[in-house]
Protein backbone atom coordinates (compact mmCIF):
# COMPACT_ATOMS: atom_id res chain seq x y z
CA MET A 1 2.98 -6.74 21.21
CA ALA A 2 4.23 -4.75 18.22
CA HIS A 3 2.48 -5.32 14.88
CA THR A 4 3.15 -4.40 11.28
CA ILE A 5 0.08 -2.49 10.13
CA VAL A 6 -0.90 -1.38 6.63
CA VAL A 7 -3.68 1.21 6.42
CA LYS A 8 -5.32 2.06 3.11
CA ILE A 9 -7.58 5.09 2.94
CA GLY A 10 -9.71 5.75 -0.11
CA THR A 11 -10.50 8.93 -1.97
CA SER A 12 -14.08 8.83 -0.67
CA SER A 13 -12.76 9.14 2.90
CA LEU A 14 -10.06 11.71 2.12
CA THR A 15 -12.23 14.17 0.22
CA GLN A 16 -15.56 15.94 0.52
CA PRO A 17 -18.02 14.15 -1.80
CA GLU A 18 -19.62 17.37 -3.05
CA THR A 19 -16.47 19.28 -3.99
CA GLY A 20 -13.55 16.82 -4.06
CA GLN A 21 -11.70 19.10 -1.61
CA LEU A 22 -9.63 17.42 1.10
CA ALA A 23 -11.46 16.40 4.28
CA LEU A 24 -8.81 17.94 6.52
CA SER A 25 -10.35 16.91 9.84
CA THR A 26 -10.37 13.24 8.79
CA ILE A 27 -6.78 13.43 7.53
CA ALA A 28 -5.65 15.13 10.75
CA THR A 29 -7.31 12.45 12.89
CA LEU A 30 -5.76 9.74 10.71
CA ALA A 31 -2.30 11.28 11.13
CA GLU A 32 -2.74 11.47 14.92
CA THR A 33 -3.91 7.85 15.05
CA LEU A 34 -1.02 6.52 12.97
CA ALA A 35 1.51 8.58 14.94
CA ASP A 36 0.06 7.17 18.17
CA LEU A 37 0.36 3.63 16.81
CA ARG A 38 4.01 4.33 15.97
CA ARG A 39 4.67 5.59 19.50
CA GLN A 40 3.17 2.35 20.81
CA GLY A 41 5.86 0.47 18.90
CA HIS A 42 3.88 -0.65 15.86
CA ARG A 43 5.33 -0.49 12.36
CA VAL A 44 2.93 1.49 10.18
CA ILE A 45 2.51 1.93 6.42
CA LEU A 46 -0.12 4.23 4.92
CA VAL A 47 -1.43 3.55 1.41
CA SER A 48 -3.19 6.73 0.36
CA SER A 49 -5.47 7.37 -2.56
CA GLY A 50 -6.54 10.89 -3.46
CA ALA A 51 -3.93 12.28 -5.86
CA VAL A 52 -6.28 12.38 -8.85
CA GLY A 53 -9.21 13.61 -6.76
CA VAL A 54 -7.14 16.39 -5.20
CA GLY A 55 -5.71 17.30 -8.58
CA CYS A 56 -9.23 17.60 -10.00
CA ALA A 57 -10.23 19.96 -7.19
CA ARG A 58 -7.05 22.01 -7.62
CA LEU A 59 -7.67 22.40 -11.34
CA GLY A 60 -11.41 23.00 -11.05
CA LEU A 61 -12.41 19.82 -12.90
CA THR A 62 -15.95 18.64 -12.25
CA GLU A 63 -15.35 14.92 -12.84
CA ARG A 64 -12.52 12.41 -12.80
CA PRO A 65 -10.72 12.33 -16.20
CA ARG A 66 -10.87 9.13 -18.24
CA ALA A 67 -8.03 9.69 -20.74
CA ILE A 68 -4.86 8.24 -19.21
CA ALA A 69 -2.61 11.17 -20.23
CA LEU A 70 -4.96 13.69 -18.60
CA LYS A 71 -5.36 11.47 -15.54
CA GLN A 72 -1.58 11.27 -15.16
CA ALA A 73 -1.24 15.03 -15.47
CA VAL A 74 -3.96 15.60 -12.86
CA ALA A 75 -2.30 13.04 -10.54
CA ALA A 76 1.00 14.92 -10.81
CA VAL A 77 -0.78 18.09 -9.65
CA GLY A 78 -2.60 16.33 -6.82
CA GLN A 79 0.22 14.17 -5.48
CA GLY A 80 2.35 17.14 -4.46
CA ARG A 81 -0.57 18.80 -2.71
CA LEU A 82 -1.52 15.56 -0.92
CA MET A 83 2.01 14.93 0.33
CA ARG A 84 2.32 18.56 1.46
CA VAL A 85 -0.75 18.12 3.66
CA TYR A 86 0.52 14.81 5.08
CA ASP A 87 3.99 16.23 5.72
CA ASP A 88 2.63 19.30 7.52
CA LEU A 89 0.39 17.19 9.77
CA PHE A 90 2.95 14.50 10.59
CA THR A 91 5.70 17.11 11.14
CA THR A 92 3.47 18.79 13.74
CA LEU A 93 3.26 15.38 15.42
CA GLN A 94 7.06 14.90 15.13
CA GLN A 95 6.53 11.79 13.05
CA PRO A 96 8.80 11.40 9.98
CA ILE A 97 7.19 10.10 6.79
CA ALA A 98 8.47 9.05 3.37
CA GLN A 99 6.82 9.05 -0.04
CA VAL A 100 6.90 5.70 -1.88
CA LEU A 101 5.45 5.66 -5.41
CA LEU A 102 5.05 2.23 -7.02
CA THR A 103 4.05 0.82 -10.39
CA ARG A 104 3.08 -2.75 -11.15
CA SER A 105 6.41 -3.29 -12.95
CA ASP A 106 8.15 -2.76 -9.59
CA LEU A 107 6.53 -5.99 -8.41
CA VAL A 108 6.78 -7.92 -11.69
CA GLN A 109 10.59 -8.02 -11.69
CA ARG A 110 11.79 -10.21 -8.85
CA SER A 111 14.92 -8.11 -8.18
CA ARG A 112 12.88 -4.90 -7.91
CA TYR A 113 10.30 -6.71 -5.77
CA LEU A 114 13.01 -7.67 -3.29
CA ASN A 115 14.51 -4.18 -3.42
CA ILE A 116 11.14 -2.65 -2.48
CA TYR A 117 10.92 -5.10 0.41
CA ASN A 118 14.35 -4.01 1.66
CA THR A 119 13.43 -0.32 1.32
CA PHE A 120 10.25 -0.79 3.37
CA GLN A 121 12.18 -2.68 6.05
CA ALA A 122 14.80 0.07 6.28
CA LEU A 123 12.15 2.80 6.56
CA LEU A 124 10.23 0.91 9.23
CA GLU A 125 13.41 0.26 11.22
CA LEU A 126 14.06 4.01 11.16
CA GLY A 127 10.63 4.64 12.64
CA VAL A 128 9.35 6.26 9.45
CA ILE A 129 5.77 5.90 8.19
CA PRO A 130 5.94 5.24 4.42
CA VAL A 131 3.09 6.93 2.51
CA VAL A 132 2.46 4.76 -0.55
CA ASN A 133 0.57 5.49 -3.74
CA GLU A 134 0.58 4.23 -7.29
CA ASN A 135 2.91 6.27 -9.49
CA ASP A 136 0.04 7.43 -11.69
CA THR A 137 2.20 9.86 -13.64
CA VAL A 138 4.24 7.09 -15.29
CA ALA A 139 2.14 3.91 -14.99
CA THR A 140 0.86 2.53 -18.30
CA GLU A 141 -2.60 1.01 -18.53
CA GLU A 142 -1.19 -2.53 -18.80
CA LEU A 143 0.96 -2.09 -15.70
CA LYS A 144 -1.49 -0.33 -13.40
CA PHE A 145 -2.67 -1.83 -10.13
CA GLY A 146 -6.10 -0.50 -11.05
CA ASP A 147 -6.98 0.56 -7.51
CA ASN A 148 -5.21 1.16 -4.23
CA ASP A 149 -7.09 -1.69 -2.54
CA THR A 150 -5.04 -4.11 -4.63
CA LEU A 151 -1.87 -2.08 -4.06
CA SER A 152 -2.38 -2.10 -0.28
CA ALA A 153 -2.94 -5.87 -0.23
CA LEU A 154 0.23 -6.44 -2.26
CA VAL A 155 2.18 -4.17 0.09
CA ALA A 156 0.75 -5.99 3.12
CA SER A 157 1.74 -9.31 1.55
CA LEU A 158 5.19 -8.00 0.66
CA VAL A 159 6.06 -6.78 4.17
CA GLN A 160 4.30 -9.73 5.84
CA ALA A 161 1.98 -7.42 7.77
CA ASP A 162 -0.17 -8.52 10.70
CA TRP A 163 -3.06 -6.19 9.82
CA LEU A 164 -4.48 -4.61 6.68
CA PHE A 165 -7.13 -1.94 7.23
CA LEU A 166 -9.24 -0.88 4.25
CA LEU A 167 -10.82 2.43 5.24
CA THR A 168 -13.86 3.26 3.14
CA ASP A 169 -17.14 5.19 3.14
CA VAL A 170 -19.21 2.39 4.72
CA ASP A 171 -18.70 0.94 8.18
CA ARG A 172 -18.41 -2.71 7.10
CA LEU A 173 -19.30 -5.25 4.43
CA TYR A 174 -23.00 -5.82 3.84
CA SER A 175 -24.97 -8.46 1.94
CA ALA A 176 -25.79 -5.65 -0.54
CA ASP A 177 -25.04 -1.94 -0.89
CA PRO A 178 -26.75 -0.36 2.17
CA ARG A 179 -26.97 2.97 0.34
CA SER A 180 -29.47 1.49 -2.12
CA VAL A 181 -30.80 -1.62 -0.28
CA PRO A 182 -32.20 -0.59 3.14
CA ASP A 183 -32.47 -4.14 4.53
CA ALA A 184 -28.91 -5.16 3.61
CA GLN A 185 -27.44 -7.35 6.35
CA PRO A 186 -24.10 -6.43 8.02
CA ILE A 187 -21.32 -9.03 7.99
CA SER A 188 -18.89 -8.90 10.92
CA LEU A 189 -16.62 -11.89 10.28
CA VAL A 190 -15.60 -13.80 7.18
CA ASN A 191 -13.73 -16.98 8.09
CA SER A 192 -13.13 -17.92 4.46
CA LEU A 193 -13.84 -16.33 1.12
CA GLN A 194 -16.11 -19.28 0.35
CA GLU A 195 -18.44 -17.79 2.94
CA LEU A 196 -18.99 -14.78 0.69
CA THR A 197 -20.24 -17.10 -2.04
CA ASP A 198 -22.49 -18.89 0.43
CA LEU A 199 -23.89 -15.57 1.67
CA GLN A 200 -24.45 -14.40 -1.92
CA VAL A 201 -22.94 -11.02 -1.18
CA GLN A 202 -23.79 -8.45 -3.84
CA THR A 203 -20.96 -6.04 -4.56
CA GLY A 204 -21.09 -2.98 -6.73
CA THR A 205 -18.17 -2.41 -9.08
CA GLN A 206 -18.25 1.38 -8.91
CA GLY A 207 -16.40 3.56 -6.48
CA SER A 208 -17.23 7.14 -5.59
CA GLN A 209 -17.32 10.06 -8.01
CA TRP A 210 -13.66 10.80 -7.29
CA GLY A 211 -12.30 7.29 -6.64
CA THR A 212 -11.81 4.02 -8.51
CA GLY A 213 -12.58 1.42 -5.85
CA GLY A 214 -15.74 -0.30 -4.71
CA MET A 215 -16.54 -3.19 -2.40
CA VAL A 216 -15.64 -5.74 -5.05
CA THR A 217 -12.03 -4.46 -5.12
CA LYS A 218 -11.86 -4.65 -1.34
CA ILE A 219 -12.94 -8.29 -1.35
CA ALA A 220 -10.34 -9.01 -4.04
CA ALA A 221 -7.74 -7.25 -1.87
CA ALA A 222 -8.82 -9.31 1.15
CA ARG A 223 -8.27 -12.47 -0.92
CA ILE A 224 -4.66 -11.46 -1.57
CA ALA A 225 -4.00 -10.41 2.01
CA ILE A 226 -5.48 -13.37 3.86
CA ALA A 227 -3.55 -15.75 1.58
CA ALA A 228 -0.46 -14.04 2.98
CA GLY A 229 -1.65 -14.53 6.56
CA VAL A 230 -2.71 -10.90 7.00
CA ARG A 231 -5.85 -10.20 9.02
CA THR A 232 -7.92 -7.76 6.96
CA VAL A 233 -10.56 -5.32 8.17
CA ILE A 234 -13.00 -3.16 6.21
CA THR A 235 -14.13 -0.21 8.31
CA GLN A 236 -15.32 3.40 8.25
CA GLY A 237 -12.68 5.83 6.95
CA ARG A 238 -14.20 8.87 8.66
CA GLN A 239 -13.42 7.34 12.07
CA PRO A 240 -9.68 6.56 12.06
CA ARG A 241 -9.61 6.22 15.85
CA ASN A 242 -11.37 2.90 15.43
CA LEU A 243 -8.03 1.41 14.32
CA GLU A 244 -6.72 1.42 17.88
CA LYS A 245 -9.98 -0.05 19.18
CA ILE A 246 -9.90 -2.87 16.62
CA ILE A 247 -6.28 -3.73 17.39
CA GLY A 248 -7.29 -3.73 21.06
CA GLY A 249 -9.89 -6.41 20.38
CA GLU A 250 -13.15 -4.56 19.67
CA THR A 251 -15.33 -6.05 16.91
CA ILE A 252 -15.74 -3.08 14.59
CA GLY A 253 -16.12 -3.39 10.82
CA THR A 254 -15.81 -6.62 8.85
CA HIS A 255 -12.88 -8.91 9.69
CA PHE A 256 -11.43 -11.40 7.21
CA ALA A 257 -9.61 -14.16 9.10
CA PRO A 258 -6.17 -14.95 7.65
CA GLN A 259 -5.32 -18.37 6.26
CA PRO A 260 -3.74 -20.48 9.02
CA GLU A 261 -0.96 -21.59 6.68
CA PRO A 262 0.03 -18.66 4.44
CA THR A 263 1.52 -19.35 1.02
CA SER A 264 5.23 -18.64 0.64
CA ALA A 265 6.47 -15.17 -0.34
CA ARG A 266 7.68 -16.46 -3.71
CA LYS A 267 4.35 -18.11 -4.52
CA ARG A 268 2.50 -14.92 -3.51
CA TRP A 269 4.74 -13.06 -5.95
CA ILE A 270 3.79 -15.54 -8.69
CA ALA A 271 0.09 -15.35 -7.86
CA TYR A 272 -0.35 -11.63 -7.35
CA GLY A 273 2.84 -9.77 -8.23
CA LEU A 274 3.15 -10.99 -11.80
CA LEU A 275 0.80 -10.22 -14.68
CA PRO A 276 -0.32 -13.38 -16.50
CA THR A 277 0.40 -13.30 -20.24
CA GLY A 278 -1.64 -16.35 -21.25
CA LYS A 279 -4.15 -19.01 -20.24
CA LEU A 280 -3.95 -22.79 -20.17
CA TYR A 281 -7.22 -24.73 -20.15
CA LEU A 282 -7.04 -28.07 -18.35
CA ASP A 283 -9.04 -31.28 -18.39
CA GLY A 284 -10.75 -32.58 -15.27
CA GLY A 285 -7.90 -34.89 -14.32
CA ALA A 286 -5.32 -32.11 -14.40
CA VAL A 287 -7.58 -29.80 -12.38
CA GLN A 288 -8.01 -32.51 -9.76
CA ALA A 289 -4.28 -33.29 -9.64
CA ILE A 290 -3.37 -29.62 -9.14
CA ALA A 291 -6.20 -28.46 -6.89
CA SER A 292 -6.49 -31.52 -4.63
CA ALA A 293 -3.20 -33.39 -4.84
CA GLY A 294 -0.72 -30.53 -5.26
CA LYS A 295 0.83 -32.07 -8.38
CA SER A 296 2.79 -30.40 -11.18
CA LEU A 297 1.12 -29.66 -14.51
CA LEU A 298 1.92 -32.05 -17.35
CA ALA A 299 1.35 -31.43 -21.06
CA ALA A 300 -1.18 -34.27 -21.20
CA GLY A 301 -3.65 -32.30 -19.08
CA ILE A 302 -3.75 -29.20 -21.32
CA THR A 303 -6.71 -28.96 -23.70
CA ASN A 304 -6.29 -25.44 -25.07
CA ILE A 305 -3.98 -22.43 -24.95
CA GLU A 306 -4.62 -18.68 -25.19
CA GLY A 307 -2.09 -15.88 -25.63
CA GLU A 308 1.55 -15.63 -26.57
CA PHE A 309 4.15 -16.10 -23.86
CA ASP A 310 7.75 -17.10 -23.31
CA THR A 311 9.41 -19.60 -21.02
CA GLN A 312 9.14 -18.58 -17.33
CA ASP A 313 6.24 -16.20 -17.99
CA ALA A 314 3.26 -16.36 -15.66
CA VAL A 315 0.05 -17.92 -16.98
CA GLN A 316 -3.42 -18.62 -15.63
CA LEU A 317 -4.60 -22.21 -15.28
CA CYS A 318 -8.33 -22.61 -15.94
CA ASP A 319 -10.82 -25.43 -15.94
CA ARG A 320 -12.89 -26.24 -19.04
CA ASP A 321 -15.41 -23.52 -18.13
CA GLY A 322 -12.72 -20.83 -17.92
CA ASN A 323 -12.66 -20.56 -14.12
CA GLU A 324 -9.16 -19.75 -12.91
CA ILE A 325 -7.82 -22.27 -10.41
CA ALA A 326 -4.11 -21.48 -10.28
CA ARG A 327 -1.19 -19.51 -11.70
CA GLY A 328 2.31 -20.61 -12.49
CA LEU A 329 5.57 -20.11 -14.39
CA VAL A 330 5.75 -22.13 -17.60
CA ASN A 331 8.73 -24.20 -18.76
CA TYR A 332 7.71 -23.87 -22.43
CA ASN A 333 6.66 -20.96 -24.61
CA SER A 334 3.22 -20.79 -26.22
CA GLU A 335 4.43 -22.07 -29.60
CA GLU A 336 5.99 -25.16 -28.02
CA LEU A 337 2.93 -25.79 -25.86
CA GLN A 338 0.63 -25.73 -28.88
CA LYS A 339 2.64 -28.67 -30.25
CA ILE A 340 2.83 -30.75 -27.09
CA ARG A 341 -0.53 -30.05 -25.36
CA GLY A 342 -2.44 -33.25 -24.67
CA LYS A 343 0.70 -35.36 -25.22
CA ARG A 344 2.60 -37.58 -22.82
CA SER A 345 5.81 -36.23 -21.33
CA SER A 346 7.79 -39.09 -22.91
CA ASP A 347 6.68 -37.90 -26.36
CA ILE A 348 7.95 -34.31 -25.96
CA PRO A 349 11.54 -34.93 -27.23
CA LEU A 350 10.17 -36.58 -30.39
CA ILE A 351 7.66 -33.77 -31.04
CA LEU A 352 9.99 -30.84 -30.37
CA GLY A 353 13.22 -32.47 -31.53
CA TYR A 354 14.99 -31.81 -28.26
CA ALA A 355 14.67 -32.80 -24.62
CA GLY A 356 12.68 -30.33 -22.53
CA ALA A 357 11.34 -30.25 -19.01
CA GLU A 358 9.14 -33.15 -17.95
CA THR A 359 6.59 -30.72 -16.46
CA VAL A 360 4.93 -27.74 -18.09
CA ILE A 361 4.71 -26.05 -14.68
CA HIS A 362 6.52 -27.55 -11.71
CA ARG A 363 4.53 -27.56 -8.48
CA ASP A 364 7.18 -25.30 -6.86
CA ASN A 365 6.25 -22.63 -9.43
CA LEU A 366 2.50 -23.16 -9.19
CA VAL A 367 0.05 -21.59 -6.73
CA LEU A 368 -3.70 -21.99 -6.27
CA VAL A 369 -5.76 -18.80 -6.39
């Protein structure tokens, strides 16, 4: 059976930790593995980190730059080198590839989001392996994905993939970082993200010297992917051949079971494609109505508002303690909501002087996170 497979490989797997130079044997094995998967009929997308790391090595820099302008310049140097290596390897294997560079704004605008979907579908139908990376040379800080774990999960959600593989420098998820905690316990299967809370998994926020990720970003990526019905696996990046074994049924790495009833593509776009521009704090009744009963949000349930936003912007919905429970598209701007929060829907025309929507966020534009 043919699957749609998204593979994300991190900088720590693509480069030598001491020098930042490309780990060519790993990249060659990865290319052979992905080309083999294509020949078996699978549709394959590669999300590749490494542009900044390769650029640093090319320019003789001893650490990853922090200033965004310098980082973008270094990425521009590294991206060409990285794609040259991929193109040479895949050409030897007679496998066509395509470069796809994305920024967060490509997913924020619904029309561009759909256009990216169509582009991926056309490439996959042609038998091409898209090689995806964030367009670091033009992305602004506010519109960055932040890490390629998030980018890969959004791509997997977008194309409705069957598998998302997060290749990293450890073989699976552990109860703590095995590099610093010798008795950390391996975790093979996560049936729900609530299990991670129950297991009290400790995740470091730092990636490698040359990368930006870390286990916490991979768990966040898994949250996005499994909500889309994508089975997600964290496994060792230095052993790409394990991909075929995992697809064949071997229990390697940590598997995150997908939700049995994925959220709709539009709601996934609202939850993870858009960038929230404000926060609405809700009372207990509103939280219960949204989280348990699937109701729309009414003005009466809003206790406080943060940020400035316009009608149809995305906002976060939080309980009294600030814990995010949902996201949605608002029917009122922040100025209007300040006037009507805590009020009954029937009072809105009198307060605003005109008839508005009965709901602040309709349930069709609201998604739990």
